[in-house]
Each structure stands twice: as C-alpha cells, then as structure tokens.
N, C-alpha and C. Protein backbone atom coordinates (compact mmCIF):
# COMPACT_ATOMS: atom_id res chain seq x y z
N MET A 1 40.60 52.41 16.02
CA MET A 1 39.71 50.91 15.81
C MET A 1 38.99 51.22 14.62
N GLY A 2 38.31 52.79 14.06
CA GLY A 2 37.89 52.54 12.94
C GLY A 2 38.37 52.37 12.18
N ALA A 3 39.54 53.52 11.62
CA ALA A 3 40.35 52.70 10.97
C ALA A 3 40.99 51.66 10.44
N HIS A 4 40.93 50.30 11.44
CA HIS A 4 40.87 48.73 11.42
C HIS A 4 39.36 48.08 10.98
N SER A 5 38.35 48.55 11.84
CA SER A 5 37.12 48.56 10.71
C SER A 5 37.09 48.84 9.45
N GLN A 6 37.51 50.17 8.95
CA GLN A 6 37.23 50.63 8.07
C GLN A 6 38.08 49.47 6.29
N ALA A 7 39.20 49.22 7.39
CA ALA A 7 40.37 48.56 6.68
C ALA A 7 39.67 46.53 6.12
N LEU A 8 39.02 46.29 7.38
CA LEU A 8 38.14 45.18 7.58
C LEU A 8 37.04 45.07 6.74
N GLY A 9 36.67 46.16 6.56
CA GLY A 9 35.17 46.49 5.40
C GLY A 9 35.99 46.71 4.13
N GLY A 10 37.05 46.97 3.56
CA GLY A 10 37.60 47.08 2.53
C GLY A 10 38.12 45.66 2.22
N ALA A 11 38.71 45.38 3.03
CA ALA A 11 38.90 43.75 2.60
C ALA A 11 37.51 42.70 2.22
N ALA A 12 36.87 43.13 3.13
CA ALA A 12 35.56 42.09 2.59
C ALA A 12 34.78 42.75 0.68
N ARG A 13 34.63 44.10 1.10
CA ARG A 13 34.82 44.01 -0.56
C ARG A 13 34.96 43.78 -1.60
N SER A 14 36.81 44.24 -1.39
CA SER A 14 37.55 43.22 -2.18
C SER A 14 36.95 41.83 -2.38
N SER A 15 37.22 41.33 -1.64
CA SER A 15 37.09 39.72 -1.60
C SER A 15 35.71 39.12 -2.40
N ALA A 16 34.47 40.21 -1.76
CA ALA A 16 33.52 40.13 -2.74
C ALA A 16 34.05 40.29 -4.12
N ASN A 17 33.95 41.50 -3.99
CA ASN A 17 34.56 41.78 -5.58
C ASN A 17 34.85 40.70 -6.31
N VAL A 18 36.46 40.17 -5.76
CA VAL A 18 36.61 39.06 -6.53
C VAL A 18 35.68 37.72 -6.74
N TRP A 19 34.52 37.39 -5.91
CA TRP A 19 34.01 36.00 -5.88
C TRP A 19 32.87 36.73 -7.17
N LEU A 20 33.08 38.10 -7.21
CA LEU A 20 31.72 37.99 -8.19
C LEU A 20 32.33 38.38 -9.59
N GLY A 21 33.46 38.89 -9.81
CA GLY A 21 34.04 38.19 -10.65
C GLY A 21 34.18 37.29 -11.44
N ARG A 22 34.63 36.16 -10.48
CA ARG A 22 35.26 35.11 -10.95
C ARG A 22 33.82 34.56 -11.42
N ARG A 23 32.48 34.76 -10.73
CA ARG A 23 31.60 34.24 -11.37
C ARG A 23 30.60 34.81 -11.64
N LEU A 24 30.83 35.75 -12.64
CA LEU A 24 30.28 36.93 -13.77
C LEU A 24 29.58 36.39 -14.65
N PRO A 25 30.09 35.24 -15.73
CA PRO A 25 29.71 34.51 -16.70
C PRO A 25 28.23 33.57 -15.89
N TRP A 26 28.42 32.95 -14.91
CA TRP A 26 27.50 32.50 -14.54
C TRP A 26 26.11 33.49 -13.54
N LEU A 27 26.97 34.16 -12.93
CA LEU A 27 25.80 35.43 -12.75
C LEU A 27 24.89 36.04 -14.41
N LYS A 28 25.71 35.94 -14.91
CA LYS A 28 24.69 36.76 -16.45
C LYS A 28 23.73 35.75 -16.70
N ALA A 29 24.26 34.50 -16.80
CA ALA A 29 23.18 33.46 -17.32
C ALA A 29 21.97 33.54 -16.53
N ALA A 30 22.38 33.02 -15.18
CA ALA A 30 21.50 33.39 -14.43
C ALA A 30 20.36 34.69 -14.08
N LEU A 31 20.99 35.44 -14.55
CA LEU A 31 20.08 36.64 -14.85
C LEU A 31 19.31 36.95 -15.95
N PHE A 32 20.06 36.34 -16.91
CA PHE A 32 19.23 36.14 -18.14
C PHE A 32 17.80 35.31 -18.03
N LEU A 33 17.79 34.27 -17.47
CA LEU A 33 16.91 33.37 -17.32
C LEU A 33 15.89 33.80 -16.59
N VAL A 34 16.09 34.67 -15.56
CA VAL A 34 15.64 35.53 -14.16
C VAL A 34 14.67 36.47 -14.89
N CYS A 35 15.30 37.03 -15.73
CA CYS A 35 14.58 38.13 -16.96
C CYS A 35 13.37 37.81 -17.93
N LEU A 36 13.69 36.32 -18.24
CA LEU A 36 12.64 35.85 -19.44
C LEU A 36 11.48 35.20 -18.62
N LEU A 37 11.99 35.04 -17.22
CA LEU A 37 10.50 34.40 -16.88
C LEU A 37 9.44 34.83 -16.59
N PRO A 38 8.61 36.23 -17.16
CA PRO A 38 7.63 37.17 -17.04
C PRO A 38 7.41 36.64 -18.37
N LEU A 39 8.26 36.63 -19.49
CA LEU A 39 7.72 35.97 -20.67
C LEU A 39 6.96 34.73 -20.51
N ALA A 40 7.89 33.50 -20.31
CA ALA A 40 7.50 32.47 -19.71
C ALA A 40 6.36 32.27 -19.48
N ARG A 41 5.90 33.23 -18.04
CA ARG A 41 5.05 33.12 -17.33
C ARG A 41 3.70 33.16 -18.02
N ALA A 42 3.83 34.70 -18.47
CA ALA A 42 2.92 34.86 -19.80
C ALA A 42 2.63 34.03 -20.82
N ALA A 43 3.15 33.51 -21.34
CA ALA A 43 3.38 32.55 -22.34
C ALA A 43 2.27 31.48 -21.42
N TRP A 44 2.94 31.04 -21.22
CA TRP A 44 1.95 29.37 -20.14
C TRP A 44 0.64 30.02 -19.99
N LEU A 45 0.39 31.25 -19.51
CA LEU A 45 -0.78 31.64 -19.36
C LEU A 45 -1.93 31.79 -20.67
N LEU A 46 -1.30 32.89 -21.07
CA LEU A 46 -2.09 32.68 -22.79
C LEU A 46 -2.06 30.91 -23.54
N ALA A 47 -1.73 30.21 -22.78
CA ALA A 47 -1.30 28.62 -23.57
C ALA A 47 -2.57 28.53 -22.92
N ALA A 48 -3.04 28.46 -21.76
CA ALA A 48 -4.16 28.01 -20.53
C ALA A 48 -5.31 28.57 -20.93
N GLY A 49 -5.20 29.66 -21.70
CA GLY A 49 -6.38 30.37 -21.66
C GLY A 49 -6.94 31.27 -20.84
N GLU A 50 -6.41 31.93 -19.58
CA GLU A 50 -6.49 31.84 -18.32
C GLU A 50 -7.00 33.84 -18.51
N PRO A 51 -6.21 34.37 -19.74
CA PRO A 51 -6.69 36.06 -19.16
C PRO A 51 -7.79 36.11 -20.45
N THR A 52 -9.09 36.72 -19.54
CA THR A 52 -9.94 36.77 -20.62
C THR A 52 -9.98 38.01 -21.71
N ASN A 53 -9.46 38.56 -21.98
CA ASN A 53 -8.51 39.60 -22.87
C ASN A 53 -6.94 39.42 -22.98
N PRO A 54 -6.44 38.50 -24.23
CA PRO A 54 -4.91 38.49 -24.12
C PRO A 54 -4.41 39.54 -24.45
N ILE A 55 -5.38 40.39 -25.02
CA ILE A 55 -4.10 41.69 -26.28
C ILE A 55 -3.99 42.28 -24.74
N GLU A 56 -5.04 43.12 -23.60
CA GLU A 56 -4.70 43.67 -22.43
C GLU A 56 -3.88 42.79 -21.61
N PHE A 57 -4.26 41.89 -21.47
CA PHE A 57 -3.05 41.25 -20.79
C PHE A 57 -1.79 41.70 -20.78
N ILE A 58 -0.93 40.95 -22.20
CA ILE A 58 -0.08 41.11 -22.91
C ILE A 58 0.59 42.26 -23.36
N THR A 59 -0.62 43.58 -23.15
CA THR A 59 0.26 44.81 -22.79
C THR A 59 0.81 44.93 -21.53
N ARG A 60 -0.85 44.93 -20.84
CA ARG A 60 -0.03 45.19 -19.30
C ARG A 60 1.26 44.59 -18.87
N SER A 61 1.39 43.24 -18.98
CA SER A 61 2.33 42.62 -18.92
C SER A 61 3.48 42.97 -19.11
N THR A 62 3.44 43.13 -20.43
CA THR A 62 4.95 43.61 -21.20
C THR A 62 5.44 45.16 -20.67
N GLY A 63 4.12 45.90 -20.53
CA GLY A 63 4.49 47.08 -19.93
C GLY A 63 5.34 47.48 -18.41
N THR A 64 4.82 46.86 -17.74
CA THR A 64 4.70 46.23 -16.40
C THR A 64 6.55 45.97 -16.27
N TRP A 65 6.81 44.81 -16.68
CA TRP A 65 7.76 44.58 -16.57
C TRP A 65 8.97 45.13 -17.30
N THR A 66 8.70 46.17 -18.28
CA THR A 66 9.47 47.25 -18.82
C THR A 66 10.06 47.95 -17.65
N LEU A 67 9.30 48.48 -16.81
CA LEU A 67 9.49 49.49 -15.81
C LEU A 67 10.02 48.63 -14.63
N VAL A 68 9.69 47.64 -14.71
CA VAL A 68 10.15 46.69 -13.33
C VAL A 68 11.97 46.87 -13.64
N MET A 69 12.61 46.38 -14.81
CA MET A 69 13.86 46.21 -15.19
C MET A 69 13.83 47.49 -15.51
N LEU A 70 13.87 48.77 -16.08
CA LEU A 70 14.34 50.01 -15.66
C LEU A 70 14.73 50.20 -14.04
N LEU A 71 13.81 50.07 -13.78
CA LEU A 71 14.41 50.46 -12.22
C LEU A 71 15.16 49.93 -11.96
N ALA A 72 15.15 48.38 -11.94
CA ALA A 72 16.16 47.84 -11.64
C ALA A 72 17.34 47.96 -12.11
N THR A 73 17.32 48.82 -12.98
CA THR A 73 18.85 49.38 -14.10
C THR A 73 19.11 50.07 -13.08
N LEU A 74 18.26 51.11 -13.46
CA LEU A 74 18.41 52.25 -12.31
C LEU A 74 19.01 52.50 -10.39
N ALA A 75 18.60 50.92 -10.16
CA ALA A 75 19.30 50.98 -8.88
C ALA A 75 20.38 50.21 -8.97
N VAL A 76 21.38 49.87 -10.10
CA VAL A 76 22.55 48.99 -9.90
C VAL A 76 23.63 49.94 -9.37
N SER A 77 23.25 51.46 -9.82
CA SER A 77 24.70 52.21 -9.58
C SER A 77 24.50 51.92 -7.89
N PRO A 78 23.34 52.72 -7.65
CA PRO A 78 23.34 53.00 -5.96
C PRO A 78 23.79 51.89 -4.71
N LEU A 79 23.20 50.54 -5.76
CA LEU A 79 23.44 49.27 -4.81
C LEU A 79 24.74 49.37 -4.81
N ARG A 80 25.95 49.26 -6.13
CA ARG A 80 26.98 49.33 -6.37
C ARG A 80 27.93 50.23 -4.79
N ARG A 81 27.11 51.63 -5.16
CA ARG A 81 27.78 52.27 -4.23
C ARG A 81 27.96 52.37 -2.81
N ALA A 82 26.54 51.68 -2.49
CA ALA A 82 26.33 51.41 -1.00
C ALA A 82 26.98 50.14 -0.66
N THR A 83 27.12 48.75 -1.57
CA THR A 83 28.40 48.23 -1.12
C THR A 83 29.45 47.57 -1.75
N GLY A 84 29.72 48.53 -2.46
CA GLY A 84 31.13 48.40 -2.65
C GLY A 84 31.54 47.59 -4.00
N TRP A 85 30.94 46.91 -4.31
CA TRP A 85 30.81 46.05 -5.28
C TRP A 85 31.00 46.40 -6.64
N GLY A 86 31.95 46.45 -7.13
CA GLY A 86 32.18 47.39 -8.33
C GLY A 86 31.60 45.79 -9.80
N GLN A 87 31.72 44.87 -9.42
CA GLN A 87 31.13 44.09 -10.41
C GLN A 87 29.49 43.81 -10.93
N LEU A 88 28.95 44.97 -9.86
CA LEU A 88 27.27 44.58 -10.24
C LEU A 88 27.12 45.58 -11.50
N LEU A 89 27.92 46.43 -11.72
CA LEU A 89 28.30 47.57 -13.11
C LEU A 89 27.79 46.31 -13.81
N ARG A 90 28.70 45.32 -13.98
CA ARG A 90 28.53 44.59 -15.39
C ARG A 90 27.35 43.43 -15.86
N LEU A 91 26.23 44.35 -15.15
CA LEU A 91 24.58 43.43 -15.38
C LEU A 91 24.03 44.35 -15.26
N ARG A 92 24.57 45.53 -15.46
CA ARG A 92 23.14 46.73 -15.48
C ARG A 92 23.55 46.95 -16.99
N ARG A 93 24.15 46.83 -18.24
CA ARG A 93 23.44 46.50 -19.51
C ARG A 93 22.55 45.51 -19.68
N LEU A 94 22.68 44.38 -19.19
CA LEU A 94 21.31 43.38 -19.42
C LEU A 94 20.68 43.44 -19.27
N LEU A 95 20.45 44.51 -18.12
CA LEU A 95 19.07 44.80 -17.18
C LEU A 95 18.17 46.00 -18.37
N GLY A 96 19.25 46.58 -18.59
CA GLY A 96 18.71 47.77 -19.45
C GLY A 96 18.49 47.44 -20.62
N LEU A 97 19.08 46.46 -21.15
CA LEU A 97 18.54 45.35 -22.66
C LEU A 97 17.05 45.42 -22.49
N PHE A 98 17.17 44.59 -21.04
CA PHE A 98 15.94 43.44 -21.42
C PHE A 98 14.72 44.70 -21.25
N ALA A 99 14.95 46.14 -20.62
CA ALA A 99 13.99 46.88 -20.55
C ALA A 99 13.58 47.36 -21.64
N PHE A 100 14.56 47.50 -22.96
CA PHE A 100 14.26 47.99 -24.28
C PHE A 100 13.67 46.42 -24.77
N PHE A 101 14.07 44.78 -24.48
CA PHE A 101 13.30 43.94 -24.89
C PHE A 101 11.36 43.87 -24.60
N TYR A 102 11.33 44.16 -23.55
CA TYR A 102 9.83 43.82 -22.97
C TYR A 102 9.24 45.72 -23.33
N ALA A 103 9.69 46.76 -23.55
CA ALA A 103 9.12 47.58 -24.14
C ALA A 103 8.71 47.49 -25.59
N SER A 104 9.86 47.08 -26.48
CA SER A 104 9.73 46.60 -27.41
C SER A 104 8.20 45.71 -27.80
N LEU A 105 8.09 44.75 -27.49
CA LEU A 105 6.75 44.00 -26.87
C LEU A 105 5.18 44.58 -26.94
N HIS A 106 5.63 45.44 -25.80
CA HIS A 106 4.59 46.16 -25.72
C HIS A 106 4.32 47.04 -26.66
N PHE A 107 5.33 47.95 -27.13
CA PHE A 107 5.16 48.95 -28.52
C PHE A 107 4.46 47.29 -29.89
N THR A 108 4.85 46.51 -30.05
CA THR A 108 4.72 45.74 -30.89
C THR A 108 3.22 45.15 -30.31
N THR A 109 2.68 44.98 -29.61
CA THR A 109 1.71 44.79 -29.07
C THR A 109 0.21 45.75 -29.70
N TYR A 110 0.70 47.06 -29.16
CA TYR A 110 0.14 48.02 -29.39
C TYR A 110 -0.23 47.96 -30.69
N PHE A 111 0.84 48.10 -31.17
CA PHE A 111 0.73 48.69 -33.09
C PHE A 111 0.07 47.56 -33.57
N TRP A 112 0.84 46.22 -33.28
CA TRP A 112 -0.11 44.96 -34.25
C TRP A 112 -1.28 44.38 -34.08
N LEU A 113 -1.27 44.20 -32.46
CA LEU A 113 -2.82 43.61 -31.98
C LEU A 113 -3.87 44.15 -31.92
N ASP A 114 -3.15 45.58 -31.09
CA ASP A 114 -4.28 46.16 -31.17
C ASP A 114 -4.72 47.29 -32.24
N GLN A 115 -3.82 47.80 -32.77
CA GLN A 115 -4.68 48.66 -33.57
C GLN A 115 -4.33 48.35 -34.60
N PHE A 116 -3.58 46.80 -35.55
CA PHE A 116 -3.18 46.47 -36.46
C PHE A 116 -2.40 47.14 -37.48
N PHE A 117 -1.52 48.41 -37.40
CA PHE A 117 -1.08 49.05 -38.07
C PHE A 117 -1.04 49.54 -38.82
N ASP A 118 -2.77 50.57 -38.22
CA ASP A 118 -3.25 51.31 -38.74
C ASP A 118 -2.70 53.35 -38.17
N TRP A 119 -1.81 53.27 -39.13
CA TRP A 119 -0.69 54.51 -38.31
C TRP A 119 -1.52 55.85 -38.58
N ALA A 120 -2.87 56.25 -39.02
CA ALA A 120 -3.95 57.19 -39.10
C ALA A 120 -4.44 57.15 -37.33
N ALA A 121 -4.70 55.91 -37.17
CA ALA A 121 -5.56 55.67 -35.77
C ALA A 121 -4.49 55.87 -34.59
N ILE A 122 -2.82 55.68 -34.68
CA ILE A 122 -2.35 55.23 -34.17
C ILE A 122 -1.58 56.57 -34.25
N ALA A 123 -1.38 57.37 -35.12
CA ALA A 123 -1.24 58.86 -34.77
C ALA A 123 -2.25 59.96 -34.23
N ARG A 124 -3.81 59.71 -34.24
CA ARG A 124 -4.85 59.93 -33.96
C ARG A 124 -4.78 60.18 -31.85
N ASP A 125 -4.06 58.51 -31.89
CA ASP A 125 -4.14 57.94 -30.46
C ASP A 125 -3.01 59.07 -29.49
N ILE A 126 -1.88 59.17 -30.11
CA ILE A 126 -0.44 59.94 -30.01
C ILE A 126 -1.03 61.32 -29.03
N VAL A 127 -1.95 61.85 -30.79
CA VAL A 127 -2.33 63.34 -30.00
C VAL A 127 -3.05 63.53 -28.98
N LYS A 128 -4.09 62.35 -29.32
CA LYS A 128 -5.54 62.95 -28.12
C LYS A 128 -4.95 62.23 -26.97
N ARG A 129 -4.69 61.40 -26.56
CA ARG A 129 -4.82 60.54 -25.53
C ARG A 129 -3.38 60.14 -24.55
N PRO A 130 -3.47 61.41 -23.60
CA PRO A 130 -2.26 61.52 -23.43
C PRO A 130 -1.13 60.47 -22.43
N PHE A 131 -1.62 59.24 -21.88
CA PHE A 131 -0.75 58.46 -21.48
C PHE A 131 0.20 57.74 -22.62
N VAL A 132 -0.53 57.30 -24.20
CA VAL A 132 0.00 57.18 -25.08
C VAL A 132 0.91 58.00 -25.54
N THR A 133 0.99 58.95 -25.40
CA THR A 133 1.96 60.49 -25.71
C THR A 133 3.12 60.43 -24.84
N LEU A 134 2.55 59.81 -23.52
CA LEU A 134 4.06 59.69 -22.81
C LEU A 134 5.09 58.72 -22.91
N GLY A 135 4.22 57.44 -23.16
CA GLY A 135 4.37 56.16 -23.29
C GLY A 135 5.31 56.39 -24.99
N PHE A 136 4.74 56.67 -25.62
CA PHE A 136 5.72 56.95 -27.10
C PHE A 136 6.71 57.74 -26.51
N ALA A 137 6.67 59.12 -26.62
CA ALA A 137 7.88 59.67 -25.95
C ALA A 137 8.61 58.50 -25.11
N ALA A 138 8.62 58.32 -24.25
CA ALA A 138 9.85 57.56 -23.21
C ALA A 138 9.92 56.70 -24.55
N PHE A 139 9.60 55.44 -25.18
CA PHE A 139 10.01 54.70 -26.12
C PHE A 139 11.36 55.47 -27.27
N CYS A 140 10.53 56.71 -27.53
CA CYS A 140 11.63 57.18 -28.22
C CYS A 140 12.69 57.42 -27.85
N LEU A 141 13.38 57.66 -26.39
CA LEU A 141 14.01 58.09 -25.65
C LEU A 141 15.21 56.72 -25.22
N MET A 142 14.19 55.52 -25.20
CA MET A 142 15.06 54.54 -25.24
C MET A 142 15.42 54.34 -26.50
N LEU A 143 15.17 54.34 -27.25
CA LEU A 143 15.65 53.83 -28.44
C LEU A 143 17.47 53.67 -28.65
N PRO A 144 17.62 54.98 -28.83
CA PRO A 144 18.86 55.57 -28.73
C PRO A 144 19.87 54.46 -27.53
N LEU A 145 19.36 54.40 -26.44
CA LEU A 145 19.71 54.07 -25.45
C LEU A 145 20.15 52.72 -25.79
N ALA A 146 19.53 51.92 -26.51
CA ALA A 146 19.72 50.68 -26.55
C ALA A 146 20.66 50.44 -27.81
N LEU A 147 20.38 51.10 -28.71
CA LEU A 147 21.62 51.75 -29.85
C LEU A 147 22.91 51.59 -29.70
N THR A 148 23.06 52.05 -28.45
CA THR A 148 24.31 52.90 -28.13
C THR A 148 24.76 51.54 -27.40
N SER A 149 24.20 50.89 -26.43
CA SER A 149 24.79 50.10 -25.15
C SER A 149 26.14 49.36 -25.36
N THR A 150 26.60 49.23 -26.31
CA THR A 150 27.66 48.52 -26.84
C THR A 150 29.42 49.01 -26.61
N ASP A 151 30.12 48.18 -26.54
CA ASP A 151 31.36 48.65 -25.94
C ASP A 151 32.06 49.76 -27.00
N ALA A 152 31.76 49.10 -28.27
CA ALA A 152 31.91 50.20 -29.46
C ALA A 152 31.18 51.68 -29.49
N ALA A 153 30.15 51.48 -29.10
CA ALA A 153 29.59 52.51 -29.04
C ALA A 153 29.86 54.21 -27.74
N MET A 154 30.43 53.34 -26.76
CA MET A 154 30.89 54.24 -25.64
C MET A 154 32.63 54.25 -26.10
N ARG A 155 32.81 53.91 -26.79
CA ARG A 155 34.28 54.31 -27.25
C ARG A 155 34.41 55.54 -28.39
N ARG A 156 33.56 55.41 -29.30
CA ARG A 156 32.83 56.35 -30.75
C ARG A 156 32.70 57.81 -29.66
N LEU A 157 31.75 57.51 -29.06
CA LEU A 157 30.92 58.21 -28.10
C LEU A 157 31.94 58.75 -26.88
N LYS A 158 32.59 58.58 -26.25
CA LYS A 158 33.14 58.56 -25.08
C LYS A 158 32.53 59.77 -24.42
N ARG A 159 32.87 60.91 -24.25
CA ARG A 159 31.97 61.72 -22.67
C ARG A 159 30.56 61.60 -23.26
N ARG A 160 30.59 61.92 -25.01
CA ARG A 160 28.97 61.83 -24.85
C ARG A 160 27.79 60.82 -24.74
N TRP A 161 28.39 59.46 -24.49
CA TRP A 161 28.08 58.82 -24.06
C TRP A 161 27.28 58.85 -22.53
N GLY A 162 28.01 59.00 -21.80
CA GLY A 162 27.15 58.93 -20.58
C GLY A 162 26.46 60.37 -20.48
N GLN A 163 26.30 61.62 -21.15
CA GLN A 163 25.75 62.48 -21.43
C GLN A 163 24.04 62.03 -22.16
N LEU A 164 24.46 60.96 -23.37
CA LEU A 164 23.15 60.38 -23.84
C LEU A 164 23.14 59.43 -22.44
N HIS A 165 23.26 58.56 -22.57
CA HIS A 165 22.88 57.78 -21.13
C HIS A 165 22.38 58.59 -19.77
N ALA A 166 22.14 59.94 -19.86
CA ALA A 166 21.82 60.47 -18.81
C ALA A 166 19.99 60.67 -19.07
N LEU A 167 19.61 60.28 -20.42
CA LEU A 167 17.90 60.38 -21.21
C LEU A 167 17.23 58.75 -20.29
N VAL A 168 18.30 58.13 -19.57
CA VAL A 168 17.44 57.19 -18.85
C VAL A 168 16.49 57.83 -17.47
N TYR A 169 16.96 59.03 -17.00
CA TYR A 169 16.27 59.61 -16.10
C TYR A 169 14.66 59.83 -16.33
N PRO A 170 15.22 61.41 -17.64
CA PRO A 170 13.88 61.73 -18.12
C PRO A 170 12.69 60.24 -18.49
N LEU A 171 13.20 59.24 -18.97
CA LEU A 171 13.03 57.92 -19.75
C LEU A 171 11.79 57.37 -18.72
N ALA A 172 12.56 57.28 -17.49
CA ALA A 172 11.79 56.68 -16.66
C ALA A 172 10.67 57.28 -15.73
N VAL A 173 11.05 58.75 -15.91
CA VAL A 173 9.64 59.17 -15.32
C VAL A 173 8.57 59.26 -16.32
N LEU A 174 8.91 59.58 -17.66
CA LEU A 174 7.72 59.41 -18.33
C LEU A 174 7.01 57.98 -18.53
N ALA A 175 8.22 57.49 -17.88
CA ALA A 175 7.34 55.54 -17.96
C ALA A 175 6.57 55.35 -16.87
N VAL A 176 6.57 56.47 -15.54
CA VAL A 176 6.12 55.92 -14.68
C VAL A 176 4.51 56.82 -14.61
N LEU A 177 4.78 58.09 -15.49
CA LEU A 177 3.96 59.44 -15.73
C LEU A 177 2.95 58.28 -16.53
N HIS A 178 3.29 57.75 -17.36
CA HIS A 178 2.48 56.64 -18.55
C HIS A 178 1.60 56.05 -17.76
N TYR A 179 2.24 55.10 -16.94
CA TYR A 179 1.35 54.11 -16.79
C TYR A 179 0.35 54.72 -15.46
N ALA A 180 0.69 55.59 -14.56
CA ALA A 180 -0.60 56.66 -13.88
C ALA A 180 -1.67 56.86 -14.31
N TRP A 181 -1.44 57.69 -15.60
CA TRP A 181 -2.61 57.95 -16.73
C TRP A 181 -3.61 57.05 -17.43
N LEU A 182 -2.63 56.03 -17.29
CA LEU A 182 -2.81 55.38 -17.91
C LEU A 182 -4.36 53.93 -16.77
N VAL A 183 -4.20 53.98 -15.76
CA VAL A 183 -4.47 53.13 -15.18
C VAL A 183 -5.93 53.96 -14.22
N LYS A 184 -5.82 54.84 -14.21
CA LYS A 184 -6.41 56.34 -13.84
C LYS A 184 -6.63 55.79 -11.93
N LYS A 185 -7.78 54.94 -12.06
CA LYS A 185 -8.21 54.85 -10.54
C LYS A 185 -7.65 54.10 -9.76
N ASP A 186 -7.23 53.06 -10.05
CA ASP A 186 -6.36 52.21 -8.94
C ASP A 186 -4.51 53.20 -9.00
N LEU A 187 -4.78 53.54 -8.48
CA LEU A 187 -2.92 54.18 -8.41
C LEU A 187 -1.63 53.56 -7.55
N SER A 188 -2.51 52.69 -6.75
CA SER A 188 -1.51 51.95 -6.13
C SER A 188 0.14 51.65 -6.26
N GLN A 189 -0.48 50.51 -7.55
CA GLN A 189 1.03 50.26 -7.94
C GLN A 189 1.77 51.44 -8.70
N PRO A 190 1.31 52.33 -9.72
CA PRO A 190 2.25 53.23 -9.65
C PRO A 190 2.90 54.27 -8.99
N LEU A 191 2.29 54.24 -7.98
CA LEU A 191 2.88 55.42 -6.90
C LEU A 191 3.32 54.89 -6.30
N ALA A 192 3.32 53.07 -5.86
CA ALA A 192 4.97 52.15 -5.48
C ALA A 192 5.95 52.42 -6.46
N TYR A 193 5.76 52.19 -8.02
CA TYR A 193 6.77 52.50 -8.92
C TYR A 193 7.71 54.00 -9.12
N GLY A 194 6.77 55.28 -8.97
CA GLY A 194 7.03 56.28 -8.80
C GLY A 194 7.82 56.66 -7.36
N ALA A 195 7.55 55.78 -5.67
CA ALA A 195 8.71 56.21 -5.00
C ALA A 195 9.67 55.36 -4.73
N VAL A 196 9.85 54.21 -6.00
CA VAL A 196 11.30 53.63 -6.13
C VAL A 196 11.92 54.53 -6.39
N LEU A 197 11.03 54.94 -8.01
CA LEU A 197 12.26 55.91 -8.92
C LEU A 197 12.31 57.56 -8.19
N PHE A 198 11.49 57.73 -7.40
CA PHE A 198 11.53 59.01 -6.53
C PHE A 198 12.83 58.41 -5.30
N VAL A 199 12.77 57.43 -4.55
CA VAL A 199 13.63 57.45 -4.15
C VAL A 199 15.54 57.15 -4.61
N LEU A 200 15.62 56.90 -6.02
CA LEU A 200 16.74 56.57 -6.72
C LEU A 200 17.27 57.65 -7.25
N LEU A 201 16.44 58.98 -7.72
CA LEU A 201 16.64 60.40 -8.40
C LEU A 201 17.24 60.61 -7.21
N ALA A 202 16.62 60.79 -5.92
CA ALA A 202 17.04 61.47 -4.95
C ALA A 202 18.28 61.26 -4.37
N GLU A 203 18.57 60.01 -4.14
CA GLU A 203 19.70 59.51 -4.07
C GLU A 203 20.33 60.42 -4.97
N ARG A 204 20.60 60.55 -6.34
CA ARG A 204 21.57 60.51 -7.28
C ARG A 204 21.41 62.25 -7.14
N ALA A 205 20.64 63.14 -6.36
CA ALA A 205 20.48 64.20 -6.20
C ALA A 205 21.11 64.70 -5.24
N LEU A 206 21.50 64.00 -4.10
CA LEU A 206 21.74 64.05 -2.90
C LEU A 206 23.21 63.87 -3.29
N ARG A 207 24.11 62.42 -3.79
CA ARG A 207 25.22 62.41 -3.73
C ARG A 207 25.55 63.76 -4.21
N ARG A 208 24.76 64.47 -5.42
CA ARG A 208 25.92 65.00 -6.72
C ARG A 208 25.38 66.67 -5.83
N TRP A 209 24.55 66.86 -5.04
CA TRP A 209 24.61 67.67 -4.49
C TRP A 209 25.98 68.33 -3.59
N LEU A 210 26.12 66.48 -2.17
CA LEU A 210 27.62 66.92 -1.66
C LEU A 210 28.70 66.94 -2.14
N ALA A 211 28.80 66.06 -3.63
CA ALA A 211 30.00 66.03 -4.31
C ALA A 211 30.57 67.47 -4.92
N SER A 212 29.17 68.38 -4.67
CA SER A 212 29.37 70.03 -5.39
C SER A 212 29.94 70.43 -3.57
N ARG A 213 29.76 70.45 -2.97
CA ARG A 213 29.72 70.69 -1.28
C ARG A 213 31.67 70.26 -0.99
N ARG A 214 31.81 69.59 -1.43
CA ARG A 214 32.62 69.06 -1.23
C ARG A 214 34.12 69.88 -2.38
N ALA A 215 33.65 70.35 -3.17
CA ALA A 215 34.13 71.05 -4.41
C ALA A 215 35.07 71.93 -3.57
C-alpha cells in the first residue's frame, strides 16, 4: 500500500512538473507583472497625493518589498522540496532580481531624494546610524549576487557560484535587522519577517543536519 501511494505521489508530481514546464513562459510573465504591482500601487498613491511624506513613503515601500521579494526567493527551494515541483526553481531568479530591483530603488531614494548625493552626510550616516550600516552592508552583499545571476556566470564560476550565492542567507539576516533597527518601536512587522526567515533558515539547517547523519 505504501509503495503504491508513493508511486501515485511520484506520478502526480511528474504530471505537475510537466504542466508547469509547458506553461513556464506564461507563469514567468504573470509573476513579472505581479512583482510590478507594488511599484504601480506606490506610483498611484503618489500621483493621488495621499502620502503626507512622499520620500519616507517611497523609502519604506521599496524597503518592505525588497524584504518580501528576498524571502519569497528563499522560500522557492523549500517549496520545491515539499511539492516535488522542480520547475519552481526556474522562477527563483526572477524573484531574486526583483528583490535587487526594489533594493536599488530603496537606495536610490536614500542617496538622491533623502541625502541629495551629499557623500559626506551619507558617510556619517553609515558610521553613526546602525540601521544605515546594516542596510548598506546588505546591499553590498546583494550586488554580486545580482551581477552573477546569469547562466554565463553560473558556467564560468561553476562550484564557486553556489558558494557565492550562499551570501543570500547573511544578506537576509542583515535586511531583517536593518528593518527592526529602523522602526524601533512597533516591531510587529520586523518580527513577522524575522519569524519567516527563521523558519526558512531552520528548514535548511535541519535538512543539512539530517543529510550529515545519513552520510
């Protein structure tokens, strides 16, 4: 009975993978549009004049969606392992690049609209304000990941590509700490994001520990 159930489960996963594979271009296009929705919403609210502090609104919005996209990227592999849908991995790069896109908007807002490219003031901020230090460090870790996200970079770096992209884990920790240090008082949202990150990291650590036990 157990073997029969496993066979049925394997056949179902295989069918789902075939279905996803055939519709992958459409799924990517749909995901692309979904990832643009936060930007469209922000533009709509700004055009309507709703935010009382537009610069703060843009900074908070782009920062929040950077973290959401980053956690969604990290969730792809556990979801693939749980469902057996290998085609999900082909959506991970898109999510990761959107995380970098929103992070770039976040930093552009800070450098341009907030600091007006006053490099001396920016340097003082990085040194004196811990949440700026953490955010800047997170962006520095994200930059090489975005630059090496191509198939050509994967072929060129080989094993080192996986080692380099493991930086996404400390990067995510820094991003959550950046958010928590920024808000200070109401920690409900940073704690929620931190809890999601903890689950994702714990799943990875548990899987590696079980693999080492079997070896």
